[in-house]
All heavy atoms as atom14 arrays in JSON, in Angstrom:
{
  "sequence": "IPKGSSWNQYKNVYEFMRVLKDAGSLKGVHVISCNTINDY",
  "atom14_mask": [
    [1, 1, 1, 1, 1, 1, 1, 1, 0, 0, 0, 0, 0, 0],
    [1, 1, 1, 1, 1, 1, 1, 0, 0, 0, 0, 0, 0, 0],
    [1, 1, 1, 1, 1, 1, 1, 1, 1, 0, 0, 0, 0, 0],
    [1, 1, 1, 1, 0, 0, 0, 0, 0, 0, 0, 0, 0, 0],
    [1, 1, 1, 1, 1, 1, 0, 0, 0, 0, 0, 0, 0, 0],
    [1, 1, 1, 1, 1, 1, 0, 0, 0, 0, 0, 0, 0, 0],
    [1, 1, 1, 1, 1, 1, 1, 1, 1, 1, 1, 1, 1, 1],
    [1, 1, 1, 1, 1, 1, 1, 1, 0, 0, 0, 0, 0, 0],
    [1, 1, 1, 1, 1, 1, 1, 1, 1, 0, 0, 0, 0, 0],
    [1, 1, 1, 1, 1, 1, 1, 1, 1, 1, 1, 1, 0, 0],
    [1, 1, 1, 1, 1, 1, 1, 1, 1, 0, 0, 0, 0, 0],
    [1, 1, 1, 1, 1, 1, 1, 1, 0, 0, 0, 0, 0, 0],
    [1, 1, 1, 1, 1, 1, 1, 0, 0, 0, 0, 0, 0, 0],
    [1, 1, 1, 1, 1, 1, 1, 1, 1, 1, 1, 1, 0, 0],
    [1, 1, 1, 1, 1, 1, 1, 1, 1, 0, 0, 0, 0, 0],
    [1, 1, 1, 1, 1, 1, 1, 1, 1, 1, 1, 0, 0, 0],
    [1, 1, 1, 1, 1, 1, 1, 1, 0, 0, 0, 0, 0, 0],
    [1, 1, 1, 1, 1, 1, 1, 1, 1, 1, 1, 0, 0, 0],
    [1, 1, 1, 1, 1, 1, 1, 0, 0, 0, 0, 0, 0, 0],
    [1, 1, 1, 1, 1, 1, 1, 1, 0, 0, 0, 0, 0, 0],
    [1, 1, 1, 1, 1, 1, 1, 1, 1, 0, 0, 0, 0, 0],
    [1, 1, 1, 1, 1, 1, 1, 1, 0, 0, 0, 0, 0, 0],
    [1, 1, 1, 1, 1, 0, 0, 0, 0, 0, 0, 0, 0, 0],
    [1, 1, 1, 1, 0, 0, 0, 0, 0, 0, 0, 0, 0, 0],
    [1, 1, 1, 1, 1, 1, 0, 0, 0, 0, 0, 0, 0, 0],
    [1, 1, 1, 1, 1, 1, 1, 1, 0, 0, 0, 0, 0, 0],
    [1, 1, 1, 1, 1, 1, 1, 1, 1, 0, 0, 0, 0, 0],
    [1, 1, 1, 1, 0, 0, 0, 0, 0, 0, 0, 0, 0, 0],
    [1, 1, 1, 1, 1, 1, 1, 0, 0, 0, 0, 0, 0, 0],
    [1, 1, 1, 1, 1, 1, 1, 1, 1, 1, 0, 0, 0, 0],
    [1, 1, 1, 1, 1, 1, 1, 0, 0, 0, 0, 0, 0, 0],
    [1, 1, 1, 1, 1, 1, 1, 1, 0, 0, 0, 0, 0, 0],
    [1, 1, 1, 1, 1, 1, 0, 0, 0, 0, 0, 0, 0, 0],
    [1, 1, 1, 1, 1, 1, 0, 0, 0, 0, 0, 0, 0, 0],
    [1, 1, 1, 1, 1, 1, 1, 1, 0, 0, 0, 0, 0, 0],
    [1, 1, 1, 1, 1, 1, 1, 0, 0, 0, 0, 0, 0, 0],
    [1, 1, 1, 1, 1, 1, 1, 1, 0, 0, 0, 0, 0, 0],
    [1, 1, 1, 1, 1, 1, 1, 1, 0, 0, 0, 0, 0, 0],
    [1, 1, 1, 1, 1, 1, 1, 1, 0, 0, 0, 0, 0, 0],
    [1, 1, 1, 1, 1, 1, 1, 1, 1, 1, 1, 1, 0, 0]
  ],
  "atom14_positions": [
    [[151.23, 53.78, 118.66], [150.05, 53.92, 117.77], [150.53, 53.7, 116.32], [151.53, 54.23, 115.89], [149.46, 55.33, 117.92], [148.9, 55.48, 119.34], [148.37, 55.55, 116.89], [148.42, 56.87, 119.66], [0.0, 0.0, 0.0], [0.0, 0.0, 0.0], [0.0, 0.0, 0.0], [0.0, 0.0, 0.0], [0.0, 0.0, 0.0], [0.0, 0.0, 0.0]],
    [[149.75, 52.93, 115.54], [150.18, 52.59, 114.19], [150.35, 53.86, 113.34], [149.58, 54.82, 113.44], [148.97, 51.78, 113.65], [148.35, 51.24, 114.86], [148.52, 52.25, 115.94], [0.0, 0.0, 0.0], [0.0, 0.0, 0.0], [0.0, 0.0, 0.0], [0.0, 0.0, 0.0], [0.0, 0.0, 0.0], [0.0, 0.0, 0.0], [0.0, 0.0, 0.0]],
    [[151.38, 53.86, 112.52], [151.68, 54.99, 111.7], [150.57, 55.18, 110.63], [150.06, 54.22, 110.08], [153.0, 54.81, 110.96], [154.22, 54.85, 111.89], [155.53, 54.71, 111.09], [156.68, 54.78, 112.07], [157.98, 54.61, 111.35], [0.0, 0.0, 0.0], [0.0, 0.0, 0.0], [0.0, 0.0, 0.0], [0.0, 0.0, 0.0], [0.0, 0.0, 0.0]],
    [[150.2, 56.44, 110.37], [149.15, 56.69, 109.39], [147.77, 56.65, 110.0], [146.77, 56.9, 109.27], [0.0, 0.0, 0.0], [0.0, 0.0, 0.0], [0.0, 0.0, 0.0], [0.0, 0.0, 0.0], [0.0, 0.0, 0.0], [0.0, 0.0, 0.0], [0.0, 0.0, 0.0], [0.0, 0.0, 0.0], [0.0, 0.0, 0.0], [0.0, 0.0, 0.0]],
    [[147.63, 56.34, 111.27], [146.32, 56.23, 111.9], [145.77, 57.62, 112.19], [146.51, 58.55, 112.47], [146.42, 55.44, 113.22], [146.85, 54.11, 112.95], [0.0, 0.0, 0.0], [0.0, 0.0, 0.0], [0.0, 0.0, 0.0], [0.0, 0.0, 0.0], [0.0, 0.0, 0.0], [0.0, 0.0, 0.0], [0.0, 0.0, 0.0], [0.0, 0.0, 0.0]],
    [[144.47, 57.74, 112.11], [143.8, 59.0, 112.4], [143.33, 59.03, 113.85], [142.19, 58.75, 114.15], [142.6, 59.2, 111.46], [141.94, 60.4, 111.77], [0.0, 0.0, 0.0], [0.0, 0.0, 0.0], [0.0, 0.0, 0.0], [0.0, 0.0, 0.0], [0.0, 0.0, 0.0], [0.0, 0.0, 0.0], [0.0, 0.0, 0.0], [0.0, 0.0, 0.0]],
    [[144.27, 59.3, 114.74], [143.97, 59.39, 116.18], [143.97, 60.86, 116.58], [144.85, 61.63, 116.19], [145.03, 58.65, 117.02], [144.9, 57.16, 116.92], [144.8, 56.4, 115.81], [144.9, 56.24, 118.02], [144.73, 55.08, 116.15], [144.8, 54.95, 117.5], [144.99, 56.41, 119.41], [144.77, 53.81, 118.29], [144.96, 55.28, 120.23], [144.85, 54.01, 119.66]],
    [[142.96, 61.25, 117.34], [142.8, 62.62, 117.79], [142.95, 62.68, 119.29], [142.29, 61.95, 120.04], [141.44, 63.15, 117.38], [141.15, 63.01, 115.88], [141.62, 63.8, 115.08], [140.47, 61.93, 115.5], [0.0, 0.0, 0.0], [0.0, 0.0, 0.0], [0.0, 0.0, 0.0], [0.0, 0.0, 0.0], [0.0, 0.0, 0.0], [0.0, 0.0, 0.0]],
    [[143.87, 63.54, 119.79], [144.18, 63.63, 121.21], [143.54, 64.88, 121.8], [143.6, 65.96, 121.18], [145.69, 63.68, 121.41], [146.44, 62.5, 120.82], [146.5, 61.32, 121.78], [146.21, 61.44, 122.94], [146.92, 60.16, 121.26], [0.0, 0.0, 0.0], [0.0, 0.0, 0.0], [0.0, 0.0, 0.0], [0.0, 0.0, 0.0], [0.0, 0.0, 0.0]],
    [[142.98, 64.78, 122.99], [142.34, 65.92, 123.69], [142.87, 65.96, 125.1], [142.96, 64.98, 125.79], [140.83, 65.77, 123.67], [140.23, 65.56, 122.3], [140.01, 64.27, 121.84], [139.92, 66.64, 121.46], [139.46, 64.06, 120.57], [139.4, 66.4, 120.21], [139.17, 65.14, 119.77], [138.66, 64.92, 118.52], [0.0, 0.0, 0.0], [0.0, 0.0, 0.0]],
    [[143.17, 67.21, 125.56], [143.65, 67.36, 126.91], [142.57, 67.09, 127.96], [142.91, 66.67, 129.09], [144.15, 68.82, 127.11], [145.34, 69.14, 126.23], [145.74, 70.6, 126.43], [146.93, 70.98, 125.55], [147.31, 72.41, 125.71], [0.0, 0.0, 0.0], [0.0, 0.0, 0.0], [0.0, 0.0, 0.0], [0.0, 0.0, 0.0], [0.0, 0.0, 0.0]],
    [[141.31, 67.29, 127.59], [140.2, 67.02, 128.52], [138.91, 66.92, 127.74], [138.92, 67.15, 126.48], [140.12, 68.14, 129.6], [140.11, 69.52, 128.98], [139.33, 69.82, 128.08], [141.03, 70.36, 129.45], [0.0, 0.0, 0.0], [0.0, 0.0, 0.0], [0.0, 0.0, 0.0], [0.0, 0.0, 0.0], [0.0, 0.0, 0.0], [0.0, 0.0, 0.0]],
    [[137.83, 66.63, 128.41], [136.56, 66.39, 127.74], [135.99, 67.72, 127.16], [135.27, 67.73, 126.18], [135.54, 65.75, 128.69], [135.08, 66.7, 129.76], [134.32, 65.23, 127.9], [0.0, 0.0, 0.0], [0.0, 0.0, 0.0], [0.0, 0.0, 0.0], [0.0, 0.0, 0.0], [0.0, 0.0, 0.0], [0.0, 0.0, 0.0], [0.0, 0.0, 0.0]],
    [[136.41, 68.86, 127.76], [135.9, 70.14, 127.28], [136.47, 70.46, 125.89], [135.79, 71.0, 125.02], [136.29, 71.28, 128.28], [135.81, 71.0, 129.69], [136.68, 70.54, 130.66], [134.46, 71.19, 130.02], [136.22, 70.26, 131.95], [134.0, 70.91, 131.27], [134.87, 70.46, 132.25], [134.41, 70.19, 133.51], [0.0, 0.0, 0.0], [0.0, 0.0, 0.0]],
    [[137.77, 70.16, 125.69], [138.38, 70.35, 124.41], [137.72, 69.44, 123.36], [137.47, 69.86, 122.22], [139.89, 70.06, 124.46], [140.59, 70.3, 123.14], [142.09, 70.01, 123.24], [142.52, 69.32, 124.17], [142.79, 70.49, 122.34], [0.0, 0.0, 0.0], [0.0, 0.0, 0.0], [0.0, 0.0, 0.0], [0.0, 0.0, 0.0], [0.0, 0.0, 0.0]],
    [[137.45, 68.19, 123.76], [136.76, 67.26, 122.88], [135.41, 67.83, 122.44], [135.03, 67.77, 121.27], [136.56, 65.92, 123.58], [135.61, 64.97, 122.87], [136.0, 64.31, 121.73], [134.29, 64.83, 123.35], [135.09, 63.46, 121.07], [133.4, 63.96, 122.72], [133.83, 63.29, 121.58], [0.0, 0.0, 0.0], [0.0, 0.0, 0.0], [0.0, 0.0, 0.0]],
    [[134.66, 68.41, 123.38], [133.34, 68.93, 123.07], [133.39, 70.09, 122.1], [132.55, 70.28, 121.25], [132.6, 69.33, 124.34], [132.05, 68.13, 125.14], [131.02, 67.03, 124.14], [129.74, 68.16, 123.59], [0.0, 0.0, 0.0], [0.0, 0.0, 0.0], [0.0, 0.0, 0.0], [0.0, 0.0, 0.0], [0.0, 0.0, 0.0], [0.0, 0.0, 0.0]],
    [[134.42, 70.96, 122.26], [134.58, 72.1, 121.34], [134.81, 71.6, 119.92], [134.24, 72.12, 118.95], [135.73, 72.99, 121.79], [135.42, 73.79, 123.05], [136.45, 74.91, 123.25], [137.76, 74.4, 123.46], [138.3, 74.13, 124.67], [137.52, 74.3, 125.76], [139.52, 73.7, 124.81], [0.0, 0.0, 0.0], [0.0, 0.0, 0.0], [0.0, 0.0, 0.0]],
    [[135.65, 70.6, 119.77], [135.94, 70.02, 118.46], [134.7, 69.35, 117.91], [134.38, 69.51, 116.71], [137.09, 69.01, 118.51], [137.3, 68.32, 117.21], [138.41, 69.77, 118.92], [0.0, 0.0, 0.0], [0.0, 0.0, 0.0], [0.0, 0.0, 0.0], [0.0, 0.0, 0.0], [0.0, 0.0, 0.0], [0.0, 0.0, 0.0], [0.0, 0.0, 0.0]],
    [[133.98, 68.6, 118.74], [132.79, 67.91, 118.27], [131.74, 68.93, 117.79], [131.05, 68.71, 116.78], [132.19, 67.07, 119.39], [130.86, 66.37, 119.1], [131.01, 65.4, 117.93], [130.37, 65.61, 120.35], [0.0, 0.0, 0.0], [0.0, 0.0, 0.0], [0.0, 0.0, 0.0], [0.0, 0.0, 0.0], [0.0, 0.0, 0.0], [0.0, 0.0, 0.0]],
    [[131.58, 70.03, 118.52], [130.6, 71.05, 118.17], [130.93, 71.63, 116.8], [130.03, 71.89, 115.98], [130.58, 72.14, 119.23], [129.51, 73.22, 118.98], [129.54, 74.23, 120.11], [128.46, 75.29, 119.85], [128.44, 76.31, 120.94], [0.0, 0.0, 0.0], [0.0, 0.0, 0.0], [0.0, 0.0, 0.0], [0.0, 0.0, 0.0], [0.0, 0.0, 0.0]],
    [[132.22, 71.86, 116.51], [132.59, 72.42, 115.24], [132.46, 71.43, 114.11], [132.06, 71.78, 112.99], [134.04, 72.92, 115.29], [134.23, 74.12, 116.22], [133.23, 74.8, 116.46], [135.35, 74.36, 116.7], [0.0, 0.0, 0.0], [0.0, 0.0, 0.0], [0.0, 0.0, 0.0], [0.0, 0.0, 0.0], [0.0, 0.0, 0.0], [0.0, 0.0, 0.0]],
    [[132.8, 70.15, 114.4], [132.81, 69.12, 113.35], [131.39, 68.61, 113.07], [131.04, 68.29, 111.93], [133.69, 67.96, 113.74], [0.0, 0.0, 0.0], [0.0, 0.0, 0.0], [0.0, 0.0, 0.0], [0.0, 0.0, 0.0], [0.0, 0.0, 0.0], [0.0, 0.0, 0.0], [0.0, 0.0, 0.0], [0.0, 0.0, 0.0], [0.0, 0.0, 0.0]],
    [[130.56, 68.52, 114.11], [129.18, 68.07, 113.97], [129.04, 66.56, 113.95], [127.93, 66.07, 114.19], [0.0, 0.0, 0.0], [0.0, 0.0, 0.0], [0.0, 0.0, 0.0], [0.0, 0.0, 0.0], [0.0, 0.0, 0.0], [0.0, 0.0, 0.0], [0.0, 0.0, 0.0], [0.0, 0.0, 0.0], [0.0, 0.0, 0.0], [0.0, 0.0, 0.0]],
    [[130.1, 65.83, 113.72], [130.05, 64.35, 113.77], [131.42, 63.8, 114.08], [132.42, 64.51, 114.07], [129.54, 63.81, 112.41], [130.41, 64.15, 111.37], [0.0, 0.0, 0.0], [0.0, 0.0, 0.0], [0.0, 0.0, 0.0], [0.0, 0.0, 0.0], [0.0, 0.0, 0.0], [0.0, 0.0, 0.0], [0.0, 0.0, 0.0], [0.0, 0.0, 0.0]],
    [[131.49, 62.49, 114.26], [132.72, 61.82, 114.66], [133.15, 60.76, 113.63], [132.28, 60.06, 113.11], [132.61, 61.17, 116.01], [132.54, 62.03, 117.27], [132.41, 61.18, 118.51], [133.78, 62.94, 117.39], [0.0, 0.0, 0.0], [0.0, 0.0, 0.0], [0.0, 0.0, 0.0], [0.0, 0.0, 0.0], [0.0, 0.0, 0.0], [0.0, 0.0, 0.0]],
    [[134.44, 60.7, 113.41], [135.04, 59.58, 112.71], [136.38, 59.25, 113.34], [137.01, 60.12, 113.96], [135.27, 59.95, 111.24], [134.03, 60.15, 110.41], [134.34, 60.47, 108.96], [133.09, 60.65, 108.13], [133.41, 60.98, 106.69], [0.0, 0.0, 0.0], [0.0, 0.0, 0.0], [0.0, 0.0, 0.0], [0.0, 0.0, 0.0], [0.0, 0.0, 0.0]],
    [[136.81, 58.02, 113.21], [138.14, 57.67, 113.69], [138.17, 57.44, 115.18], [137.21, 57.04, 115.84], [0.0, 0.0, 0.0], [0.0, 0.0, 0.0], [0.0, 0.0, 0.0], [0.0, 0.0, 0.0], [0.0, 0.0, 0.0], [0.0, 0.0, 0.0], [0.0, 0.0, 0.0], [0.0, 0.0, 0.0], [0.0, 0.0, 0.0], [0.0, 0.0, 0.0]],
    [[139.39, 57.72, 115.77], [139.63, 57.44, 117.16], [139.86, 58.78, 117.9], [140.62, 59.61, 117.45], [140.89, 56.54, 117.33], [141.17, 56.24, 118.8], [140.73, 55.26, 116.49], [0.0, 0.0, 0.0], [0.0, 0.0, 0.0], [0.0, 0.0, 0.0], [0.0, 0.0, 0.0], [0.0, 0.0, 0.0], [0.0, 0.0, 0.0], [0.0, 0.0, 0.0]],
    [[139.24, 58.87, 119.1], [139.31, 60.11, 119.86], [139.75, 59.75, 121.3], [139.04, 59.02, 121.99], [137.98, 60.82, 119.88], [137.49, 61.15, 118.48], [137.74, 62.36, 117.89], [136.85, 60.38, 117.55], [137.23, 62.37, 116.68], [136.71, 61.16, 116.44], [0.0, 0.0, 0.0], [0.0, 0.0, 0.0], [0.0, 0.0, 0.0], [0.0, 0.0, 0.0]],
    [[140.92, 60.26, 121.68], [141.52, 59.95, 122.99], [141.36, 61.15, 123.92], [141.93, 62.18, 123.66], [143.0, 59.55, 122.85], [143.56, 59.18, 124.21], [143.15, 58.42, 121.83], [0.0, 0.0, 0.0], [0.0, 0.0, 0.0], [0.0, 0.0, 0.0], [0.0, 0.0, 0.0], [0.0, 0.0, 0.0], [0.0, 0.0, 0.0], [0.0, 0.0, 0.0]],
    [[140.61, 60.96, 125.02], [140.37, 62.04, 125.96], [141.16, 61.75, 127.24], [140.94, 60.71, 127.87], [138.9, 62.17, 126.29], [138.07, 62.41, 125.0], [138.7, 63.33, 127.3], [136.56, 62.41, 125.26], [0.0, 0.0, 0.0], [0.0, 0.0, 0.0], [0.0, 0.0, 0.0], [0.0, 0.0, 0.0], [0.0, 0.0, 0.0], [0.0, 0.0, 0.0]],
    [[142.08, 62.61, 127.62], [142.84, 62.42, 128.87], [141.93, 62.59, 130.05], [141.17, 63.58, 130.16], [144.0, 63.45, 128.94], [144.94, 63.19, 127.94], [0.0, 0.0, 0.0], [0.0, 0.0, 0.0], [0.0, 0.0, 0.0], [0.0, 0.0, 0.0], [0.0, 0.0, 0.0], [0.0, 0.0, 0.0], [0.0, 0.0, 0.0], [0.0, 0.0, 0.0]],
    [[141.99, 61.65, 130.97], [141.21, 61.72, 132.19], [142.13, 61.55, 133.39], [142.68, 60.46, 133.61], [140.16, 60.63, 132.22], [138.8, 60.86, 131.05], [0.0, 0.0, 0.0], [0.0, 0.0, 0.0], [0.0, 0.0, 0.0], [0.0, 0.0, 0.0], [0.0, 0.0, 0.0], [0.0, 0.0, 0.0], [0.0, 0.0, 0.0], [0.0, 0.0, 0.0]],
    [[142.34, 62.62, 134.12], [143.27, 62.58, 135.2], [142.64, 62.55, 136.56], [143.31, 62.3, 137.57], [144.21, 63.8, 135.13], [144.97, 63.87, 133.81], [145.6, 62.91, 133.43], [144.93, 65.02, 133.11], [0.0, 0.0, 0.0], [0.0, 0.0, 0.0], [0.0, 0.0, 0.0], [0.0, 0.0, 0.0], [0.0, 0.0, 0.0], [0.0, 0.0, 0.0]],
    [[141.34, 62.79, 136.63], [140.62, 62.82, 137.92], [139.31, 62.03, 137.79], [138.83, 61.73, 136.7], [140.32, 64.26, 138.37], [139.31, 64.82, 137.43], [141.54, 65.13, 138.31], [0.0, 0.0, 0.0], [0.0, 0.0, 0.0], [0.0, 0.0, 0.0], [0.0, 0.0, 0.0], [0.0, 0.0, 0.0], [0.0, 0.0, 0.0], [0.0, 0.0, 0.0]],
    [[138.76, 61.77, 138.95], [137.45, 61.1, 139.0], [136.39, 61.95, 138.29], [135.54, 61.44, 137.56], [137.04, 60.81, 140.49], [137.97, 59.75, 141.05], [135.62, 60.37, 140.56], [137.78, 59.55, 142.54], [0.0, 0.0, 0.0], [0.0, 0.0, 0.0], [0.0, 0.0, 0.0], [0.0, 0.0, 0.0], [0.0, 0.0, 0.0], [0.0, 0.0, 0.0]],
    [[136.49, 63.26, 138.47], [135.52, 64.16, 137.86], [135.56, 64.13, 136.35], [134.54, 64.31, 135.69], [135.77, 65.61, 138.35], [135.36, 65.81, 139.79], [134.55, 65.05, 140.33], [135.95, 66.82, 140.39], [0.0, 0.0, 0.0], [0.0, 0.0, 0.0], [0.0, 0.0, 0.0], [0.0, 0.0, 0.0], [0.0, 0.0, 0.0], [0.0, 0.0, 0.0]],
    [[136.75, 63.89, 135.79], [136.86, 63.75, 134.31], [136.03, 62.59, 133.82], [135.31, 62.71, 132.81], [138.32, 63.52, 133.91], [139.16, 64.8, 134.11], [138.61, 65.89, 134.14], [140.39, 64.65, 134.29], [0.0, 0.0, 0.0], [0.0, 0.0, 0.0], [0.0, 0.0, 0.0], [0.0, 0.0, 0.0], [0.0, 0.0, 0.0], [0.0, 0.0, 0.0]],
    [[136.11, 61.46, 134.51], [135.31, 60.3, 134.12], [133.84, 60.58, 134.34], [132.98, 60.25, 133.5], [135.74, 59.07, 134.92], [136.95, 58.38, 134.42], [138.2, 58.65, 134.98], [136.89, 57.47, 133.41], [139.33, 58.01, 134.53], [138.01, 56.82, 132.92], [139.24, 57.1, 133.5], [140.35, 56.45, 133.04], [0.0, 0.0, 0.0], [0.0, 0.0, 0.0]]
  ]
}
């Protein structure tokens, strides 16, 4: 990943949703780990 990039990593979609709820909006890149069919 390019140095200085604003990439946000999440262990799962639930963690992503908690951050989104607090932030209220999105900017940049958000990487959600998906390890199972249910995650997708």
